[in-house]
N, C-alpha and C. Protein backbone atom coordinates (compact mmCIF):
# COMPACT_ATOMS: atom_id res chain seq x y z
N MET A 1 0.82 -1.19 0.00
CA MET A 1 0.00 0.00 0.00
C MET A 1 0.87 1.26 0.00
N ASN A 2 1.95 1.21 0.74
CA ASN A 2 2.85 2.35 0.84
C ASN A 2 3.49 2.66 -0.51
N SER A 3 3.88 1.64 -1.28
CA SER A 3 4.50 1.86 -2.58
C SER A 3 3.50 2.44 -3.59
N LEU A 4 2.23 2.15 -3.43
CA LEU A 4 1.21 2.71 -4.31
C LEU A 4 1.13 4.22 -4.15
N TRP A 5 1.25 4.71 -2.93
CA TRP A 5 1.24 6.15 -2.68
C TRP A 5 2.48 6.81 -3.30
N ILE A 6 3.61 6.15 -3.21
CA ILE A 6 4.84 6.70 -3.79
C ILE A 6 4.70 6.81 -5.31
N VAL A 7 4.19 5.78 -5.94
CA VAL A 7 3.99 5.79 -7.39
C VAL A 7 2.99 6.88 -7.77
N ALA A 8 1.93 7.02 -7.03
CA ALA A 8 0.93 8.05 -7.30
C ALA A 8 1.54 9.45 -7.16
N PHE A 9 2.36 9.64 -6.14
CA PHE A 9 3.00 10.94 -5.92
C PHE A 9 3.97 11.25 -7.06
N ILE A 10 4.76 10.28 -7.48
CA ILE A 10 5.72 10.49 -8.57
C ILE A 10 4.97 10.82 -9.86
N LEU A 11 3.90 10.12 -10.15
CA LEU A 11 3.10 10.38 -11.33
C LEU A 11 2.51 11.79 -11.29
N PHE A 12 1.99 12.19 -10.14
CA PHE A 12 1.45 13.54 -9.96
C PHE A 12 2.55 14.58 -10.18
N ASP A 13 3.72 14.34 -9.64
CA ASP A 13 4.85 15.26 -9.78
C ASP A 13 5.27 15.40 -11.24
N VAL A 14 5.33 14.30 -11.97
CA VAL A 14 5.68 14.34 -13.39
C VAL A 14 4.66 15.15 -14.18
N LEU A 15 3.39 14.96 -13.88
CA LEU A 15 2.33 15.70 -14.59
C LEU A 15 2.42 17.20 -14.31
N VAL A 16 2.64 17.57 -13.07
CA VAL A 16 2.75 19.00 -12.72
C VAL A 16 3.99 19.61 -13.39
N THR A 17 5.10 18.90 -13.37
CA THR A 17 6.32 19.40 -14.00
C THR A 17 6.11 19.58 -15.50
N ALA A 18 5.47 18.63 -16.15
CA ALA A 18 5.19 18.73 -17.58
C ALA A 18 4.28 19.92 -17.88
N ALA A 19 3.29 20.14 -17.05
CA ALA A 19 2.38 21.28 -17.26
C ALA A 19 3.12 22.60 -17.12
N VAL A 20 3.98 22.71 -16.13
CA VAL A 20 4.76 23.94 -15.94
C VAL A 20 5.69 24.17 -17.12
N LEU A 21 6.36 23.12 -17.59
CA LEU A 21 7.24 23.25 -18.75
C LEU A 21 6.48 23.70 -19.99
N LEU A 22 5.32 23.16 -20.22
CA LEU A 22 4.51 23.56 -21.38
C LEU A 22 4.14 25.03 -21.30
N VAL A 23 3.76 25.51 -20.12
CA VAL A 23 3.40 26.92 -19.96
C VAL A 23 4.61 27.80 -20.24
N VAL A 24 5.76 27.45 -19.70
CA VAL A 24 6.98 28.24 -19.91
C VAL A 24 7.36 28.26 -21.39
N ILE A 25 7.32 27.11 -22.04
CA ILE A 25 7.68 27.03 -23.46
C ILE A 25 6.74 27.86 -24.31
N ARG A 26 5.45 27.82 -24.03
CA ARG A 26 4.48 28.61 -24.80
C ARG A 26 4.70 30.10 -24.60
N ARG A 27 4.99 30.52 -23.38
CA ARG A 27 5.19 31.94 -23.11
C ARG A 27 6.46 32.48 -23.76
N ARG A 28 7.43 31.64 -23.94
CA ARG A 28 8.69 32.08 -24.54
C ARG A 28 8.73 31.92 -26.04
N GLY A 29 7.64 31.58 -26.65
CA GLY A 29 7.59 31.50 -28.10
C GLY A 29 7.99 30.16 -28.67
N GLY A 30 7.67 29.11 -28.01
CA GLY A 30 7.98 27.77 -28.52
C GLY A 30 9.32 27.27 -28.02
N VAL A 31 9.74 26.15 -28.55
CA VAL A 31 10.98 25.53 -28.11
C VAL A 31 12.18 26.41 -28.43
N ALA A 32 12.19 27.04 -29.61
CA ALA A 32 13.30 27.90 -30.00
C ALA A 32 13.47 29.06 -29.01
N GLY A 33 12.38 29.66 -28.61
CA GLY A 33 12.45 30.75 -27.64
C GLY A 33 12.87 30.29 -26.27
N ALA A 34 12.44 29.10 -25.89
CA ALA A 34 12.77 28.58 -24.57
C ALA A 34 14.25 28.25 -24.44
N ILE A 35 14.85 27.75 -25.52
CA ILE A 35 16.28 27.42 -25.44
C ILE A 35 17.16 28.58 -25.88
N GLY A 36 16.57 29.65 -26.40
CA GLY A 36 17.32 30.83 -26.77
C GLY A 36 17.99 30.74 -28.13
N PHE A 37 17.52 29.87 -29.00
CA PHE A 37 18.10 29.71 -30.33
C PHE A 37 16.98 29.64 -31.34
N ASP A 38 17.04 30.50 -32.32
CA ASP A 38 16.03 30.51 -33.38
C ASP A 38 16.71 30.11 -34.69
N PRO A 39 16.44 28.91 -35.19
CA PRO A 39 17.10 28.45 -36.41
C PRO A 39 16.83 29.34 -37.62
N LYS A 40 15.65 29.91 -37.72
CA LYS A 40 15.34 30.79 -38.84
C LYS A 40 16.22 32.03 -38.80
N GLN A 41 16.39 32.60 -37.61
CA GLN A 41 17.25 33.77 -37.46
C GLN A 41 18.69 33.41 -37.81
N ALA A 42 19.15 32.26 -37.35
CA ALA A 42 20.53 31.83 -37.61
C ALA A 42 20.77 31.64 -39.11
N MET A 43 19.82 31.05 -39.81
CA MET A 43 19.97 30.86 -41.25
C MET A 43 19.98 32.19 -41.99
N GLY A 44 19.11 33.10 -41.57
CA GLY A 44 19.08 34.42 -42.20
C GLY A 44 20.38 35.17 -41.99
N VAL A 45 20.90 35.13 -40.79
CA VAL A 45 22.16 35.79 -40.48
C VAL A 45 23.29 35.14 -41.26
N SER A 46 23.27 33.83 -41.37
CA SER A 46 24.30 33.10 -42.11
C SER A 46 24.33 33.53 -43.58
N ARG A 47 23.17 33.58 -44.20
CA ARG A 47 23.09 34.01 -45.61
C ARG A 47 23.60 35.45 -45.77
N GLU A 48 23.21 36.30 -44.84
CA GLU A 48 23.62 37.69 -44.89
C GLU A 48 25.14 37.82 -44.73
N LEU A 49 25.71 37.04 -43.81
CA LEU A 49 27.15 37.08 -43.60
C LEU A 49 27.91 36.59 -44.83
N GLU A 50 27.42 35.55 -45.47
CA GLU A 50 28.08 35.05 -46.67
C GLU A 50 28.09 36.10 -47.78
N ALA A 51 26.95 36.72 -48.00
CA ALA A 51 26.86 37.74 -49.04
C ALA A 51 27.74 38.94 -48.69
N ASP A 52 27.74 39.33 -47.43
CA ASP A 52 28.53 40.47 -46.99
C ASP A 52 30.03 40.18 -47.10
N ALA A 53 30.43 38.96 -46.74
CA ALA A 53 31.84 38.59 -46.81
C ALA A 53 32.32 38.63 -48.25
N GLU A 54 31.51 38.11 -49.15
CA GLU A 54 31.88 38.12 -50.56
C GLU A 54 32.03 39.55 -51.08
N GLN A 55 31.08 40.38 -50.74
CA GLN A 55 31.12 41.78 -51.18
C GLN A 55 32.31 42.50 -50.56
N TYR A 56 32.55 42.29 -49.27
CA TYR A 56 33.63 42.97 -48.58
C TYR A 56 35.00 42.59 -49.16
N LEU A 57 35.25 41.29 -49.34
CA LEU A 57 36.56 40.89 -49.84
C LEU A 57 36.78 41.33 -51.29
N ARG A 58 35.74 41.29 -52.09
CA ARG A 58 35.89 41.74 -53.48
C ARG A 58 36.21 43.24 -53.53
N ALA A 59 35.68 44.00 -52.58
CA ALA A 59 35.92 45.44 -52.56
C ALA A 59 37.22 45.83 -51.85
N ASN A 60 37.67 45.02 -50.89
CA ASN A 60 38.79 45.43 -50.05
C ASN A 60 40.04 44.57 -50.13
N TRP A 61 40.07 43.62 -51.05
CA TRP A 61 41.25 42.77 -51.17
C TRP A 61 41.62 42.64 -52.63
N SER A 62 42.88 42.88 -52.92
CA SER A 62 43.36 42.89 -54.31
C SER A 62 43.59 41.50 -54.88
N GLY A 63 43.66 40.49 -54.04
CA GLY A 63 43.97 39.15 -54.49
C GLY A 63 45.38 38.74 -54.13
N ASP A 64 46.16 39.68 -53.60
CA ASP A 64 47.53 39.40 -53.18
C ASP A 64 47.50 38.70 -51.83
N SER A 65 48.12 37.53 -51.75
CA SER A 65 48.05 36.74 -50.51
C SER A 65 48.76 37.42 -49.34
N THR A 66 49.69 38.34 -49.62
CA THR A 66 50.38 39.03 -48.52
C THR A 66 49.47 40.04 -47.81
N THR A 67 48.44 40.51 -48.49
CA THR A 67 47.52 41.47 -47.87
C THR A 67 46.25 40.81 -47.34
N LEU A 68 46.16 39.50 -47.50
CA LEU A 68 44.98 38.78 -47.04
C LEU A 68 44.76 38.88 -45.53
N PRO A 69 45.81 38.83 -44.69
CA PRO A 69 45.55 38.96 -43.24
C PRO A 69 44.85 40.28 -42.87
N GLN A 70 45.24 41.38 -43.51
CA GLN A 70 44.59 42.66 -43.23
C GLN A 70 43.14 42.64 -43.68
N ALA A 71 42.88 42.04 -44.83
CA ALA A 71 41.50 41.97 -45.33
C ALA A 71 40.65 41.09 -44.42
N LEU A 72 41.21 39.97 -43.94
CA LEU A 72 40.46 39.09 -43.04
C LEU A 72 40.22 39.75 -41.68
N THR A 73 41.17 40.55 -41.24
CA THR A 73 40.97 41.29 -39.98
C THR A 73 39.78 42.23 -40.11
N GLY A 74 39.72 42.96 -41.22
CA GLY A 74 38.58 43.85 -41.45
C GLY A 74 37.27 43.09 -41.57
N LEU A 75 37.32 41.94 -42.24
CA LEU A 75 36.12 41.12 -42.38
C LEU A 75 35.67 40.58 -41.03
N LEU A 76 36.61 40.13 -40.22
CA LEU A 76 36.26 39.65 -38.87
C LEU A 76 35.62 40.76 -38.04
N ASP A 77 36.17 41.97 -38.13
CA ASP A 77 35.59 43.10 -37.40
C ASP A 77 34.15 43.34 -37.86
N ARG A 78 33.95 43.27 -39.15
CA ARG A 78 32.61 43.51 -39.72
C ARG A 78 31.62 42.42 -39.29
N VAL A 79 32.05 41.16 -39.35
CA VAL A 79 31.19 40.04 -38.94
C VAL A 79 30.86 40.16 -37.45
N GLU A 80 31.86 40.49 -36.66
CA GLU A 80 31.66 40.64 -35.22
C GLU A 80 30.62 41.71 -34.91
N SER A 81 30.69 42.83 -35.59
CA SER A 81 29.72 43.91 -35.33
C SER A 81 28.32 43.54 -35.83
N LYS A 82 28.24 42.84 -36.96
CA LYS A 82 26.92 42.42 -37.46
C LYS A 82 26.27 41.41 -36.52
N LEU A 83 27.05 40.47 -36.00
CA LEU A 83 26.50 39.50 -35.06
C LEU A 83 26.08 40.17 -33.75
N ALA A 84 26.84 41.15 -33.30
CA ALA A 84 26.49 41.87 -32.08
C ALA A 84 25.17 42.63 -32.29
N ALA A 85 24.97 43.16 -33.49
CA ALA A 85 23.71 43.86 -33.78
C ALA A 85 22.52 42.90 -33.76
N GLU A 86 22.76 41.64 -34.05
CA GLU A 86 21.71 40.62 -34.04
C GLU A 86 21.61 39.92 -32.67
N HIS A 87 22.39 40.39 -31.71
CA HIS A 87 22.45 39.80 -30.37
C HIS A 87 22.94 38.36 -30.40
N LEU A 88 23.89 38.07 -31.30
CA LEU A 88 24.49 36.75 -31.42
C LEU A 88 26.01 36.89 -31.25
N GLU A 89 26.42 37.38 -30.12
CA GLU A 89 27.83 37.67 -29.90
C GLU A 89 28.65 36.41 -29.71
N LEU A 90 29.77 36.33 -30.46
CA LEU A 90 30.74 35.25 -30.34
C LEU A 90 32.11 35.87 -30.18
N ASP A 91 32.99 35.17 -29.46
CA ASP A 91 34.34 35.71 -29.33
C ASP A 91 35.11 35.50 -30.63
N ARG A 92 36.20 36.21 -30.74
CA ARG A 92 36.98 36.23 -31.99
C ARG A 92 37.49 34.84 -32.38
N GLU A 93 37.91 34.06 -31.40
CA GLU A 93 38.44 32.73 -31.70
C GLU A 93 37.37 31.80 -32.27
N ARG A 94 36.13 32.00 -31.91
CA ARG A 94 35.05 31.20 -32.48
C ARG A 94 34.62 31.71 -33.84
N LEU A 95 34.85 33.00 -34.08
CA LEU A 95 34.48 33.58 -35.37
C LEU A 95 35.48 33.22 -36.48
N LYS A 96 36.73 33.04 -36.11
CA LYS A 96 37.75 32.77 -37.12
C LYS A 96 37.42 31.56 -38.00
N PRO A 97 37.07 30.40 -37.42
CA PRO A 97 36.74 29.27 -38.30
C PRO A 97 35.48 29.50 -39.14
N ILE A 98 34.55 30.27 -38.62
CA ILE A 98 33.33 30.56 -39.37
C ILE A 98 33.66 31.40 -40.60
N VAL A 99 34.44 32.45 -40.38
CA VAL A 99 34.83 33.32 -41.49
C VAL A 99 35.71 32.56 -42.48
N LEU A 100 36.62 31.74 -41.97
CA LEU A 100 37.47 30.94 -42.85
C LEU A 100 36.62 30.00 -43.70
N GLN A 101 35.61 29.40 -43.11
CA GLN A 101 34.71 28.51 -43.86
C GLN A 101 33.98 29.27 -44.97
N ILE A 102 33.52 30.46 -44.66
CA ILE A 102 32.82 31.27 -45.66
C ILE A 102 33.77 31.60 -46.81
N VAL A 103 34.98 32.03 -46.48
CA VAL A 103 35.95 32.43 -47.50
C VAL A 103 36.32 31.26 -48.40
N THR A 104 36.54 30.10 -47.81
CA THR A 104 36.93 28.95 -48.62
C THR A 104 35.75 28.34 -49.37
N ALA A 105 34.58 28.31 -48.77
CA ALA A 105 33.40 27.73 -49.43
C ALA A 105 32.97 28.56 -50.64
N LYS A 106 33.11 29.85 -50.53
CA LYS A 106 32.73 30.75 -51.63
C LYS A 106 33.88 30.94 -52.63
N HIS A 107 35.01 30.30 -52.38
CA HIS A 107 36.20 30.40 -53.23
C HIS A 107 36.64 31.85 -53.40
N LEU A 108 36.59 32.59 -52.29
CA LEU A 108 37.00 33.99 -52.32
C LEU A 108 38.52 34.12 -52.25
N ALA A 109 39.17 33.10 -51.72
CA ALA A 109 40.63 33.06 -51.64
C ALA A 109 41.05 31.60 -51.66
N ASP A 110 42.29 31.37 -52.00
CA ASP A 110 42.83 30.01 -51.96
C ASP A 110 42.76 29.51 -50.53
N ALA A 111 42.32 28.27 -50.34
CA ALA A 111 42.11 27.72 -49.00
C ALA A 111 43.39 27.72 -48.18
N ARG A 112 44.51 27.34 -48.80
CA ARG A 112 45.78 27.31 -48.07
C ARG A 112 46.21 28.71 -47.66
N ASP A 113 46.08 29.66 -48.58
CA ASP A 113 46.43 31.06 -48.29
C ASP A 113 45.52 31.62 -47.18
N ALA A 114 44.25 31.28 -47.25
CA ALA A 114 43.29 31.77 -46.24
C ALA A 114 43.62 31.21 -44.86
N ARG A 115 43.97 29.92 -44.79
CA ARG A 115 44.33 29.32 -43.49
C ARG A 115 45.58 29.98 -42.92
N GLU A 116 46.57 30.18 -43.76
CA GLU A 116 47.81 30.82 -43.30
C GLU A 116 47.56 32.27 -42.88
N ALA A 117 46.75 32.97 -43.63
CA ALA A 117 46.44 34.35 -43.29
C ALA A 117 45.66 34.44 -41.99
N MET A 118 44.74 33.49 -41.78
CA MET A 118 43.92 33.51 -40.56
C MET A 118 44.78 33.26 -39.32
N LYS A 119 45.86 32.51 -39.46
CA LYS A 119 46.78 32.30 -38.35
C LYS A 119 47.45 33.60 -37.91
N LYS A 120 47.59 34.53 -38.84
CA LYS A 120 48.24 35.83 -38.55
C LYS A 120 47.27 36.87 -38.00
N VAL A 121 45.98 36.58 -38.09
CA VAL A 121 44.96 37.54 -37.65
C VAL A 121 44.81 37.46 -36.14
N ALA A 122 44.78 38.63 -35.51
CA ALA A 122 44.62 38.68 -34.04
C ALA A 122 43.20 38.47 -33.62
């Protein structure tokens, strides 16, 4: 008889916890709002960053691999400020591989040159 009360209490507790979680998730705008990550926003920002990186490097880099570190530094600064405006702040060390991926995926610079240049970027 005693174990039946324990099982009933645990079941009641699980139901109350589930109800509270559902209320919190609904108030915060669904699962994305509850965990603080919106995939639609992330995809939009990603597309915007790719287009901006392409435009920035074409306008500010001559194609000379010796000047690529300066161009990547400017691009990193630009990406950092755009992400901060979207409230998606990342530190510089986490941004470097993202920017490097954009540069190499879009064939904006030679992959080897871009990796070497990124090592020189502060």
